[in-house]
Amino acid sequence: MADPDPDNVPVLSDGVVMLRAHRAEDIDAMVEQCRDAEMMRYTTVPRPYTRQEGESYLERTVRAWAENTPTSLRAWAITRLVPEGDPVFCGTVDYRPTGVGTASIGFGLHPAARGSGLMTRAVSLALDHAFAHGVELMHWRAVQGNWASRKTVWKLGFRLEGTVRKLIELSGHAQDGWIASLHRDEPRRPCEPWPT
């Protein structure tokens, strides 16, 4: 399996985090991440998540960047820059454009990278790219109770639109979910108090 053409995938960085194309050497860490209890609890990753699932995801991201349509998935590997050596794989961030000025963002971190503020940085980089490439409004959805995901988007200025009953299908069951949005002209800081 070939790695993505680096010319198709923009590399984004803020000096701490770098977003780049997924690579074959990321697959083992991707499988570990997707087998993690929190990922299984709050996301729609396939169950069981095998190496073949990781390879399939990598192929889908390669194809999406190459096709480059108005609705192509935009996915990056999140890496942490280190003083010496290659950046360390930490997770994935992606957005799915609708082709009509909106998109939905999704993200997940490997358990070893959690709690370090990397996700807020990674999502901000992905938002910069999306808003510079035709997205006017970004949506976020999550299973109700996924407070880590909610805190990430809260820090970046997303406005919680509400809780929707049976919004997200998860493991064959419809779960209540949160939905929030951010317009490209809105500031990247909390727009409402953190819920107590």
N, C-alpha and C. Protein backbone atom coordinates (compact mmCIF):
# COMPACT_ATOMS: atom_id res chain seq x y z
N MET A 1 0.85 -1.19 0.00
CA MET A 1 0.00 0.00 0.00
C MET A 1 0.89 1.24 0.00
N ALA A 2 0.61 2.16 -0.92
CA ALA A 2 1.41 3.38 -1.04
C ALA A 2 0.96 4.42 -0.04
N ASP A 3 1.92 5.20 0.46
CA ASP A 3 1.58 6.32 1.32
C ASP A 3 0.97 7.43 0.47
N PRO A 4 0.23 8.36 1.09
CA PRO A 4 -0.36 9.46 0.33
C PRO A 4 0.72 10.28 -0.36
N ASP A 5 0.36 10.85 -1.49
CA ASP A 5 1.24 11.79 -2.18
C ASP A 5 1.33 13.04 -1.32
N PRO A 6 2.51 13.38 -0.83
CA PRO A 6 2.60 14.56 0.05
C PRO A 6 2.16 15.85 -0.62
N ASP A 7 2.18 15.88 -1.96
CA ASP A 7 1.71 17.08 -2.66
C ASP A 7 0.21 17.26 -2.53
N ASN A 8 -0.52 16.18 -2.25
CA ASN A 8 -1.97 16.25 -2.12
C ASN A 8 -2.42 16.66 -0.72
N VAL A 9 -1.56 16.48 0.26
CA VAL A 9 -1.94 16.70 1.67
C VAL A 9 -1.13 17.85 2.24
N PRO A 10 -1.78 18.97 2.52
CA PRO A 10 -1.02 20.09 3.09
C PRO A 10 -0.54 19.76 4.50
N VAL A 11 0.68 20.13 4.78
CA VAL A 11 1.24 19.98 6.13
C VAL A 11 0.96 21.28 6.87
N LEU A 12 0.33 21.15 8.04
CA LEU A 12 -0.05 22.31 8.85
C LEU A 12 0.66 22.21 10.19
N SER A 13 1.19 23.33 10.68
CA SER A 13 1.90 23.29 11.96
C SER A 13 1.80 24.62 12.67
N ASP A 14 1.81 24.55 14.01
CA ASP A 14 1.88 25.76 14.83
C ASP A 14 3.16 25.80 15.64
N GLY A 15 4.10 24.92 15.32
CA GLY A 15 5.37 24.85 16.03
C GLY A 15 5.40 23.84 17.16
N VAL A 16 4.23 23.38 17.59
CA VAL A 16 4.11 22.35 18.62
C VAL A 16 3.48 21.09 18.04
N VAL A 17 2.43 21.31 17.26
CA VAL A 17 1.68 20.23 16.61
C VAL A 17 1.87 20.35 15.11
N MET A 18 1.98 19.20 14.45
CA MET A 18 2.01 19.18 13.00
C MET A 18 0.95 18.22 12.51
N LEU A 19 0.15 18.67 11.54
CA LEU A 19 -0.80 17.80 10.86
C LEU A 19 -0.19 17.41 9.53
N ARG A 20 -0.20 16.11 9.24
CA ARG A 20 0.38 15.60 8.00
C ARG A 20 -0.46 14.44 7.51
N ALA A 21 -0.10 13.92 6.35
CA ALA A 21 -0.77 12.75 5.81
C ALA A 21 -0.57 11.55 6.73
N HIS A 22 -1.59 10.70 6.82
CA HIS A 22 -1.41 9.42 7.51
C HIS A 22 -0.43 8.57 6.71
N ARG A 23 0.33 7.75 7.43
CA ARG A 23 1.32 6.89 6.80
C ARG A 23 1.14 5.46 7.28
N ALA A 24 1.70 4.54 6.53
CA ALA A 24 1.59 3.12 6.89
C ALA A 24 2.17 2.86 8.28
N GLU A 25 3.21 3.59 8.64
CA GLU A 25 3.81 3.35 9.97
C GLU A 25 2.95 3.85 11.12
N ASP A 26 1.88 4.56 10.82
CA ASP A 26 0.94 5.02 11.86
C ASP A 26 -0.08 3.94 12.24
N ILE A 27 -0.21 2.91 11.42
CA ILE A 27 -1.35 2.00 11.57
C ILE A 27 -1.39 1.32 12.93
N ASP A 28 -0.25 0.85 13.43
CA ASP A 28 -0.27 0.17 14.73
C ASP A 28 -0.80 1.10 15.83
N ALA A 29 -0.35 2.35 15.83
CA ALA A 29 -0.83 3.31 16.83
C ALA A 29 -2.30 3.65 16.60
N MET A 30 -2.73 3.71 15.33
CA MET A 30 -4.14 3.96 15.04
C MET A 30 -5.01 2.84 15.61
N VAL A 31 -4.55 1.60 15.45
CA VAL A 31 -5.31 0.46 15.97
C VAL A 31 -5.38 0.54 17.49
N GLU A 32 -4.26 0.84 18.15
CA GLU A 32 -4.27 0.99 19.62
C GLU A 32 -5.26 2.07 20.04
N GLN A 33 -5.24 3.21 19.35
CA GLN A 33 -6.13 4.31 19.69
C GLN A 33 -7.59 3.88 19.55
N CYS A 34 -7.91 3.22 18.45
CA CYS A 34 -9.31 2.88 18.18
C CYS A 34 -9.82 1.71 19.02
N ARG A 35 -8.92 0.99 19.67
CA ARG A 35 -9.33 -0.07 20.60
C ARG A 35 -9.44 0.44 22.04
N ASP A 36 -9.06 1.69 22.26
CA ASP A 36 -9.12 2.28 23.59
C ASP A 36 -10.56 2.39 24.07
N ALA A 37 -10.77 2.19 25.36
CA ALA A 37 -12.12 2.18 25.91
C ALA A 37 -12.88 3.48 25.66
N GLU A 38 -12.21 4.63 25.76
CA GLU A 38 -12.89 5.91 25.54
C GLU A 38 -13.30 6.07 24.08
N MET A 39 -12.44 5.63 23.16
CA MET A 39 -12.81 5.68 21.74
C MET A 39 -14.01 4.78 21.47
N MET A 40 -14.00 3.60 22.06
CA MET A 40 -15.11 2.67 21.86
C MET A 40 -16.40 3.22 22.48
N ARG A 41 -16.26 3.93 23.58
CA ARG A 41 -17.44 4.44 24.29
C ARG A 41 -18.12 5.58 23.55
N TYR A 42 -17.31 6.46 22.91
CA TYR A 42 -17.86 7.69 22.38
C TYR A 42 -17.81 7.86 20.87
N THR A 43 -17.20 6.94 20.15
CA THR A 43 -17.09 7.14 18.71
C THR A 43 -17.67 5.95 17.95
N THR A 44 -17.77 6.14 16.66
CA THR A 44 -18.37 5.12 15.80
C THR A 44 -17.32 4.26 15.11
N VAL A 45 -16.12 4.14 15.71
CA VAL A 45 -15.09 3.29 15.10
C VAL A 45 -15.60 1.86 14.99
N PRO A 46 -15.20 1.16 13.91
CA PRO A 46 -15.64 -0.24 13.77
C PRO A 46 -15.22 -1.09 14.96
N ARG A 47 -16.02 -2.09 15.26
CA ARG A 47 -15.75 -3.02 16.37
C ARG A 47 -15.83 -4.43 15.84
N PRO A 48 -14.80 -5.23 15.98
CA PRO A 48 -13.49 -4.87 16.52
C PRO A 48 -12.69 -4.06 15.51
N TYR A 49 -11.75 -3.26 16.00
CA TYR A 49 -10.91 -2.46 15.12
C TYR A 49 -9.63 -3.23 14.87
N THR A 50 -9.45 -3.70 13.66
CA THR A 50 -8.31 -4.53 13.29
C THR A 50 -7.30 -3.72 12.48
N ARG A 51 -6.16 -4.33 12.24
CA ARG A 51 -5.16 -3.70 11.38
C ARG A 51 -5.76 -3.45 9.99
N GLN A 52 -6.59 -4.37 9.53
CA GLN A 52 -7.23 -4.20 8.23
C GLN A 52 -8.11 -2.94 8.21
N GLU A 53 -8.80 -2.66 9.33
CA GLU A 53 -9.59 -1.43 9.42
C GLU A 53 -8.69 -0.21 9.29
N GLY A 54 -7.54 -0.24 9.95
CA GLY A 54 -6.59 0.86 9.86
C GLY A 54 -6.09 1.06 8.43
N GLU A 55 -5.78 -0.03 7.75
CA GLU A 55 -5.32 0.05 6.37
C GLU A 55 -6.41 0.61 5.47
N SER A 56 -7.65 0.19 5.71
CA SER A 56 -8.78 0.67 4.93
C SER A 56 -8.97 2.18 5.13
N TYR A 57 -8.84 2.64 6.39
CA TYR A 57 -8.98 4.07 6.66
C TYR A 57 -7.88 4.85 5.94
N LEU A 58 -6.65 4.34 5.99
CA LEU A 58 -5.55 5.01 5.31
C LEU A 58 -5.83 5.10 3.81
N GLU A 59 -6.32 4.04 3.22
CA GLU A 59 -6.65 4.05 1.79
C GLU A 59 -7.74 5.06 1.47
N ARG A 60 -8.74 5.16 2.34
CA ARG A 60 -9.82 6.14 2.13
C ARG A 60 -9.29 7.57 2.18
N THR A 61 -8.38 7.84 3.11
CA THR A 61 -7.85 9.20 3.21
C THR A 61 -6.98 9.52 2.00
N VAL A 62 -6.21 8.55 1.54
CA VAL A 62 -5.38 8.74 0.34
C VAL A 62 -6.28 9.08 -0.85
N ARG A 63 -7.32 8.30 -1.02
CA ARG A 63 -8.24 8.49 -2.15
C ARG A 63 -8.95 9.85 -2.06
N ALA A 64 -9.38 10.22 -0.86
CA ALA A 64 -10.11 11.48 -0.70
C ALA A 64 -9.25 12.68 -1.07
N TRP A 65 -7.99 12.70 -0.61
CA TRP A 65 -7.11 13.83 -0.95
C TRP A 65 -6.83 13.84 -2.44
N ALA A 66 -6.67 12.67 -3.05
CA ALA A 66 -6.37 12.61 -4.48
C ALA A 66 -7.57 13.05 -5.32
N GLU A 67 -8.77 12.67 -4.91
CA GLU A 67 -9.97 13.04 -5.67
C GLU A 67 -10.25 14.53 -5.59
N ASN A 68 -10.06 15.11 -4.42
CA ASN A 68 -10.15 16.56 -4.22
C ASN A 68 -11.46 17.15 -4.76
N THR A 69 -12.59 16.58 -4.34
CA THR A 69 -13.89 17.12 -4.73
C THR A 69 -14.37 18.08 -3.63
N PRO A 70 -15.43 18.84 -3.89
CA PRO A 70 -15.95 19.76 -2.85
C PRO A 70 -16.45 19.05 -1.59
N THR A 71 -16.67 17.72 -1.67
CA THR A 71 -17.15 16.98 -0.50
C THR A 71 -16.14 15.93 -0.02
N SER A 72 -14.90 16.01 -0.50
CA SER A 72 -13.88 15.03 -0.10
C SER A 72 -13.50 15.19 1.37
N LEU A 73 -13.38 14.06 2.06
CA LEU A 73 -12.88 14.04 3.44
C LEU A 73 -11.51 14.70 3.49
N ARG A 74 -11.30 15.49 4.52
CA ARG A 74 -9.99 16.11 4.76
C ARG A 74 -9.48 15.58 6.09
N ALA A 75 -8.53 14.67 6.05
CA ALA A 75 -8.05 14.00 7.27
C ALA A 75 -6.54 14.13 7.39
N TRP A 76 -6.10 14.34 8.62
CA TRP A 76 -4.68 14.43 8.92
C TRP A 76 -4.33 13.56 10.12
N ALA A 77 -3.10 13.09 10.13
CA ALA A 77 -2.51 12.52 11.34
C ALA A 77 -2.03 13.69 12.20
N ILE A 78 -2.35 13.64 13.48
CA ILE A 78 -1.86 14.64 14.43
C ILE A 78 -0.52 14.13 14.95
N THR A 79 0.50 14.97 14.86
CA THR A 79 1.80 14.59 15.40
C THR A 79 2.31 15.69 16.33
N ARG A 80 3.10 15.26 17.31
CA ARG A 80 3.75 16.20 18.23
C ARG A 80 5.18 16.38 17.75
N LEU A 81 5.59 17.63 17.57
CA LEU A 81 6.97 17.89 17.18
C LEU A 81 7.87 17.67 18.38
N VAL A 82 8.99 17.03 18.14
CA VAL A 82 9.95 16.76 19.20
C VAL A 82 11.29 17.37 18.81
N PRO A 83 12.12 17.75 19.79
CA PRO A 83 13.38 18.43 19.47
C PRO A 83 14.27 17.62 18.53
N GLU A 84 14.33 16.33 18.74
CA GLU A 84 15.16 15.48 17.88
C GLU A 84 14.33 14.30 17.43
N GLY A 85 14.45 13.94 16.17
CA GLY A 85 13.73 12.78 15.66
C GLY A 85 12.45 13.16 14.96
N ASP A 86 11.76 12.13 14.52
CA ASP A 86 10.52 12.33 13.76
C ASP A 86 9.38 12.72 14.70
N PRO A 87 8.43 13.52 14.19
CA PRO A 87 7.24 13.84 14.99
C PRO A 87 6.51 12.56 15.39
N VAL A 88 5.93 12.57 16.58
CA VAL A 88 5.29 11.38 17.15
C VAL A 88 3.80 11.39 16.81
N PHE A 89 3.28 10.26 16.25
CA PHE A 89 1.86 10.15 15.95
C PHE A 89 1.05 10.23 17.24
N CYS A 90 0.02 11.08 17.23
CA CYS A 90 -0.81 11.28 18.43
C CYS A 90 -2.30 11.08 18.19
N GLY A 91 -2.75 11.04 16.94
CA GLY A 91 -4.17 10.88 16.70
C GLY A 91 -4.57 11.36 15.32
N THR A 92 -5.85 11.65 15.17
CA THR A 92 -6.42 12.04 13.88
C THR A 92 -7.41 13.19 14.06
N VAL A 93 -7.39 14.09 13.10
CA VAL A 93 -8.42 15.13 13.01
C VAL A 93 -8.89 15.17 11.56
N ASP A 94 -10.19 15.34 11.37
CA ASP A 94 -10.69 15.43 10.00
C ASP A 94 -11.92 16.32 9.96
N TYR A 95 -12.24 16.76 8.75
CA TYR A 95 -13.53 17.40 8.56
C TYR A 95 -14.13 16.91 7.25
N ARG A 96 -15.46 16.92 7.23
CA ARG A 96 -16.22 16.40 6.09
C ARG A 96 -17.07 17.52 5.51
N PRO A 97 -16.60 18.14 4.41
CA PRO A 97 -17.37 19.23 3.82
C PRO A 97 -18.62 18.72 3.11
N THR A 98 -19.65 19.56 3.12
CA THR A 98 -20.90 19.21 2.44
C THR A 98 -20.93 19.73 1.00
N GLY A 99 -20.05 20.67 0.68
CA GLY A 99 -20.06 21.28 -0.64
C GLY A 99 -20.93 22.52 -0.71
N VAL A 100 -21.60 22.86 0.39
CA VAL A 100 -22.47 24.05 0.41
C VAL A 100 -22.07 25.00 1.56
N GLY A 101 -20.78 25.03 1.88
CA GLY A 101 -20.29 25.98 2.87
C GLY A 101 -20.30 25.51 4.30
N THR A 102 -20.68 24.27 4.53
CA THR A 102 -20.66 23.72 5.89
C THR A 102 -19.82 22.45 5.90
N ALA A 103 -19.44 22.04 7.10
CA ALA A 103 -18.68 20.80 7.27
C ALA A 103 -18.86 20.33 8.71
N SER A 104 -18.48 19.09 8.96
CA SER A 104 -18.49 18.53 10.32
C SER A 104 -17.08 18.09 10.67
N ILE A 105 -16.66 18.42 11.87
CA ILE A 105 -15.31 18.07 12.31
C ILE A 105 -15.35 16.89 13.26
N GLY A 106 -14.33 16.07 13.19
CA GLY A 106 -14.18 14.93 14.09
C GLY A 106 -12.72 14.78 14.49
N PHE A 107 -12.48 14.19 15.65
CA PHE A 107 -11.11 14.06 16.11
C PHE A 107 -11.01 13.03 17.22
N GLY A 108 -9.80 12.49 17.38
CA GLY A 108 -9.53 11.54 18.45
C GLY A 108 -8.04 11.47 18.71
N LEU A 109 -7.66 11.31 19.98
CA LEU A 109 -6.26 11.21 20.35
C LEU A 109 -5.93 9.83 20.87
N HIS A 110 -4.70 9.41 20.59
CA HIS A 110 -4.16 8.20 21.19
C HIS A 110 -4.11 8.42 22.71
N PRO A 111 -4.41 7.39 23.51
CA PRO A 111 -4.43 7.59 24.98
C PRO A 111 -3.14 8.20 25.53
N ALA A 112 -1.99 7.88 24.95
CA ALA A 112 -0.72 8.40 25.46
C ALA A 112 -0.57 9.91 25.25
N ALA A 113 -1.38 10.49 24.36
CA ALA A 113 -1.25 11.91 24.04
C ALA A 113 -2.29 12.77 24.72
N ARG A 114 -3.20 12.18 25.45
CA ARG A 114 -4.30 12.94 26.05
C ARG A 114 -3.85 13.80 27.23
N GLY A 115 -4.57 14.90 27.43
CA GLY A 115 -4.29 15.75 28.59
C GLY A 115 -3.15 16.72 28.39
N SER A 116 -2.66 16.87 27.17
CA SER A 116 -1.51 17.73 26.92
C SER A 116 -1.85 18.97 26.10
N GLY A 117 -3.13 19.16 25.77
CA GLY A 117 -3.53 20.34 25.00
C GLY A 117 -3.31 20.22 23.50
N LEU A 118 -2.87 19.05 23.05
CA LEU A 118 -2.58 18.88 21.63
C LEU A 118 -3.83 18.98 20.76
N MET A 119 -4.95 18.45 21.27
CA MET A 119 -6.14 18.40 20.42
C MET A 119 -6.66 19.79 20.10
N THR A 120 -6.66 20.70 21.06
CA THR A 120 -7.13 22.05 20.78
C THR A 120 -6.28 22.68 19.68
N ARG A 121 -4.99 22.48 19.74
CA ARG A 121 -4.09 23.00 18.70
C ARG A 121 -4.39 22.36 17.35
N ALA A 122 -4.57 21.05 17.34
CA ALA A 122 -4.80 20.33 16.09
C ALA A 122 -6.12 20.76 15.45
N VAL A 123 -7.17 20.85 16.26
CA VAL A 123 -8.47 21.26 15.73
C VAL A 123 -8.39 22.69 15.19
N SER A 124 -7.67 23.56 15.88
CA SER A 124 -7.53 24.94 15.41
C SER A 124 -6.85 24.98 14.04
N LEU A 125 -5.83 24.17 13.84
CA LEU A 125 -5.17 24.11 12.53
C LEU A 125 -6.12 23.61 11.44
N ALA A 126 -6.90 22.58 11.77
CA ALA A 126 -7.86 22.06 10.80
C ALA A 126 -8.93 23.11 10.48
N LEU A 127 -9.36 23.86 11.49
CA LEU A 127 -10.34 24.94 11.26
C LEU A 127 -9.75 26.01 10.34
N ASP A 128 -8.48 26.38 10.56
CA ASP A 128 -7.84 27.36 9.68
C ASP A 128 -7.91 26.90 8.23
N HIS A 129 -7.60 25.63 8.01
CA HIS A 129 -7.62 25.10 6.65
C HIS A 129 -9.03 25.11 6.08
N ALA A 130 -9.98 24.63 6.86
CA ALA A 130 -11.36 24.56 6.38
C ALA A 130 -11.90 25.94 6.02
N PHE A 131 -11.70 26.92 6.90
CA PHE A 131 -12.24 28.25 6.67
C PHE A 131 -11.54 28.96 5.51
N ALA A 132 -10.33 28.55 5.19
CA ALA A 132 -9.62 29.12 4.04
C ALA A 132 -9.99 28.41 2.74
N HIS A 133 -10.74 27.30 2.84
CA HIS A 133 -11.05 26.50 1.65
C HIS A 133 -12.56 26.26 1.51
N GLY A 134 -13.34 27.32 1.69
CA GLY A 134 -14.74 27.27 1.33
C GLY A 134 -15.73 26.93 2.42
N VAL A 135 -15.26 26.58 3.61
CA VAL A 135 -16.19 26.27 4.70
C VAL A 135 -16.50 27.57 5.44
N GLU A 136 -17.78 27.85 5.59
CA GLU A 136 -18.23 29.04 6.30
C GLU A 136 -18.64 28.70 7.73
N LEU A 137 -19.23 27.52 7.93
CA LEU A 137 -19.72 27.11 9.24
C LEU A 137 -19.31 25.67 9.51
N MET A 138 -18.67 25.46 10.65
CA MET A 138 -18.25 24.11 11.04
C MET A 138 -19.18 23.59 12.13
N HIS A 139 -19.63 22.36 11.96
CA HIS A 139 -20.45 21.68 12.96
C HIS A 139 -19.59 20.66 13.72
N TRP A 140 -20.00 20.41 14.94
CA TRP A 140 -19.41 19.36 15.77
C TRP A 140 -20.56 18.60 16.41
N ARG A 141 -20.43 17.29 16.41
CA ARG A 141 -21.41 16.43 17.09
C ARG A 141 -20.65 15.45 17.97
N ALA A 142 -21.27 15.11 19.09
CA ALA A 142 -20.67 14.11 19.97
C ALA A 142 -21.75 13.45 20.80
N VAL A 143 -21.49 12.23 21.20
CA VAL A 143 -22.39 11.54 22.11
C VAL A 143 -22.46 12.35 23.41
N GLN A 144 -23.66 12.54 23.92
CA GLN A 144 -23.82 13.26 25.18
C GLN A 144 -22.98 12.58 26.25
N GLY A 145 -22.21 13.38 26.97
CA GLY A 145 -21.33 12.85 28.00
C GLY A 145 -19.86 12.83 27.60
N ASN A 146 -19.56 13.10 26.34
CA ASN A 146 -18.16 13.14 25.90
C ASN A 146 -17.60 14.53 26.22
N TRP A 147 -17.29 14.72 27.49
CA TRP A 147 -16.88 16.03 27.99
C TRP A 147 -15.52 16.46 27.46
N ALA A 148 -14.62 15.53 27.20
CA ALA A 148 -13.30 15.91 26.68
C ALA A 148 -13.44 16.54 25.29
N SER A 149 -14.26 15.94 24.44
CA SER A 149 -14.48 16.49 23.11
C SER A 149 -15.18 17.84 23.20
N ARG A 150 -16.18 17.90 24.08
CA ARG A 150 -16.92 19.16 24.23
C ARG A 150 -16.01 20.29 24.71
N LYS A 151 -15.09 19.98 25.63
CA LYS A 151 -14.21 21.03 26.14
C LYS A 151 -13.28 21.55 25.04
N THR A 152 -12.85 20.66 24.15
CA THR A 152 -11.99 21.10 23.04
C THR A 152 -12.69 22.14 22.19
N VAL A 153 -13.91 21.85 21.77
CA VAL A 153 -14.60 22.80 20.89
C VAL A 153 -15.06 24.04 21.66
N TRP A 154 -15.38 23.89 22.93
CA TRP A 154 -15.74 25.05 23.76
C TRP A 154 -14.59 26.05 23.80
N LYS A 155 -13.37 25.56 24.00
CA LYS A 155 -12.19 26.44 24.04
C LYS A 155 -12.02 27.21 22.74
N LEU A 156 -12.48 26.62 21.64
CA LEU A 156 -12.28 27.22 20.31
C LEU A 156 -13.47 28.06 19.85
N GLY A 157 -14.44 28.29 20.73
CA GLY A 157 -15.51 29.21 20.43
C GLY A 157 -16.78 28.60 19.86
N PHE A 158 -16.84 27.29 19.75
CA PHE A 158 -18.07 26.67 19.26
C PHE A 158 -19.22 26.98 20.21
N ARG A 159 -20.38 27.27 19.63
CA ARG A 159 -21.59 27.54 20.39
C ARG A 159 -22.42 26.26 20.46
N LEU A 160 -22.72 25.81 21.67
CA LEU A 160 -23.56 24.63 21.81
C LEU A 160 -24.98 24.97 21.35
N GLU A 161 -25.44 24.24 20.35
CA GLU A 161 -26.79 24.47 19.83
C GLU A 161 -27.83 23.68 20.61
N GLY A 162 -27.39 22.60 21.26
CA GLY A 162 -28.32 21.86 22.09
C GLY A 162 -28.03 20.38 22.14
N THR A 163 -28.90 19.68 22.85
CA THR A 163 -28.87 18.23 22.94
C THR A 163 -30.01 17.70 22.08
N VAL A 164 -29.68 16.77 21.22
CA VAL A 164 -30.67 16.20 20.30
C VAL A 164 -30.88 14.74 20.67
N ARG A 165 -32.12 14.38 20.87
CA ARG A 165 -32.43 12.99 21.22
C ARG A 165 -32.11 12.06 20.06
N LYS A 166 -31.45 10.94 20.39
CA LYS A 166 -31.17 9.88 19.43
C LYS A 166 -30.44 10.41 18.19
N LEU A 167 -29.48 11.30 18.40
CA LEU A 167 -28.76 11.94 17.30
C LEU A 167 -27.72 11.03 16.64
N ILE A 168 -27.06 10.20 17.45
CA ILE A 168 -25.90 9.46 16.96
C ILE A 168 -26.11 7.96 17.13
N GLU A 169 -25.89 7.22 16.04
CA GLU A 169 -25.96 5.76 16.10
C GLU A 169 -24.61 5.24 16.58
N LEU A 170 -24.66 4.42 17.61
CA LEU A 170 -23.44 3.90 18.21
C LEU A 170 -23.67 2.46 18.62
N SER A 171 -22.94 1.56 18.03
CA SER A 171 -23.04 0.13 18.35
C SER A 171 -24.46 -0.39 18.24
N GLY A 172 -25.16 0.04 17.20
CA GLY A 172 -26.51 -0.46 16.97
C GLY A 172 -27.59 0.20 17.79
N HIS A 173 -27.24 1.26 18.53
CA HIS A 173 -28.22 1.97 19.35
C HIS A 173 -28.13 3.46 19.06
N ALA A 174 -29.26 4.14 19.06
CA ALA A 174 -29.28 5.59 18.89
C ALA A 174 -29.02 6.25 20.24
N GLN A 175 -28.05 7.14 20.27
CA GLN A 175 -27.66 7.82 21.50
C GLN A 175 -28.00 9.31 21.40
N ASP A 176 -28.35 9.90 22.54
CA ASP A 176 -28.53 11.35 22.57
C ASP A 176 -27.17 12.00 22.30
N GLY A 177 -27.22 13.14 21.63
CA GLY A 177 -25.96 13.79 21.27
C GLY A 177 -26.01 15.29 21.39
N TRP A 178 -24.82 15.87 21.49
CA TRP A 178 -24.66 17.32 21.49
C TRP A 178 -24.33 17.77 20.08
N ILE A 179 -24.72 18.98 19.75
CA ILE A 179 -24.33 19.59 18.48
C ILE A 179 -23.95 21.04 18.76
N ALA A 180 -22.86 21.47 18.11
CA ALA A 180 -22.37 22.84 18.28
C ALA A 180 -21.88 23.33 16.92
N SER A 181 -21.68 24.64 16.82
CA SER A 181 -21.23 25.20 15.55
C SER A 181 -20.30 26.39 15.78
N LEU A 182 -19.48 26.65 14.76
CA LEU A 182 -18.57 27.80 14.77
C LEU A 182 -18.55 28.41 13.38
N HIS A 183 -18.84 29.71 13.29
CA HIS A 183 -18.74 30.44 12.02
C HIS A 183 -17.30 30.90 11.85
N ARG A 184 -16.85 30.96 10.60
CA ARG A 184 -15.46 31.32 10.35
C ARG A 184 -15.10 32.72 10.84
N ASP A 185 -16.08 33.62 10.98
CA ASP A 185 -15.79 34.98 11.45
C ASP A 185 -15.86 35.12 12.96
N GLU A 186 -16.23 34.06 13.66
CA GLU A 186 -16.34 34.14 15.12
C GLU A 186 -14.97 33.92 15.77
N PRO A 187 -14.73 34.57 16.92
CA PRO A 187 -13.43 34.43 17.58
C PRO A 187 -13.22 33.02 18.13
N ARG A 188 -11.98 32.60 18.21
CA ARG A 188 -11.61 31.28 18.71
C ARG A 188 -11.36 31.34 20.22
N ARG A 189 -12.41 31.69 20.93
CA ARG A 189 -12.36 31.68 22.40
C ARG A 189 -13.75 31.35 22.91
N PRO A 190 -13.87 30.87 24.13
CA PRO A 190 -15.19 30.49 24.62
C PRO A 190 -16.21 31.60 24.46
N CYS A 191 -17.39 31.25 23.95
CA CYS A 191 -18.45 32.24 23.74
C CYS A 191 -19.53 32.13 24.79
N GLU A 192 -19.38 31.17 25.68
CA GLU A 192 -20.37 30.96 26.76
C GLU A 192 -19.66 30.30 27.93
N PRO A 193 -20.20 30.43 29.13
CA PRO A 193 -19.54 29.83 30.30
C PRO A 193 -19.48 28.31 30.18
N TRP A 194 -18.43 27.74 30.76
CA TRP A 194 -18.34 26.29 30.83
C TRP A 194 -19.44 25.80 31.78
N PRO A 195 -20.21 24.77 31.38
CA PRO A 195 -21.31 24.31 32.23
C PRO A 195 -20.81 23.78 33.56
N THR A 196 -21.55 24.09 34.61
CA THR A 196 -21.16 23.62 35.94
C THR A 196 -21.89 22.32 36.23
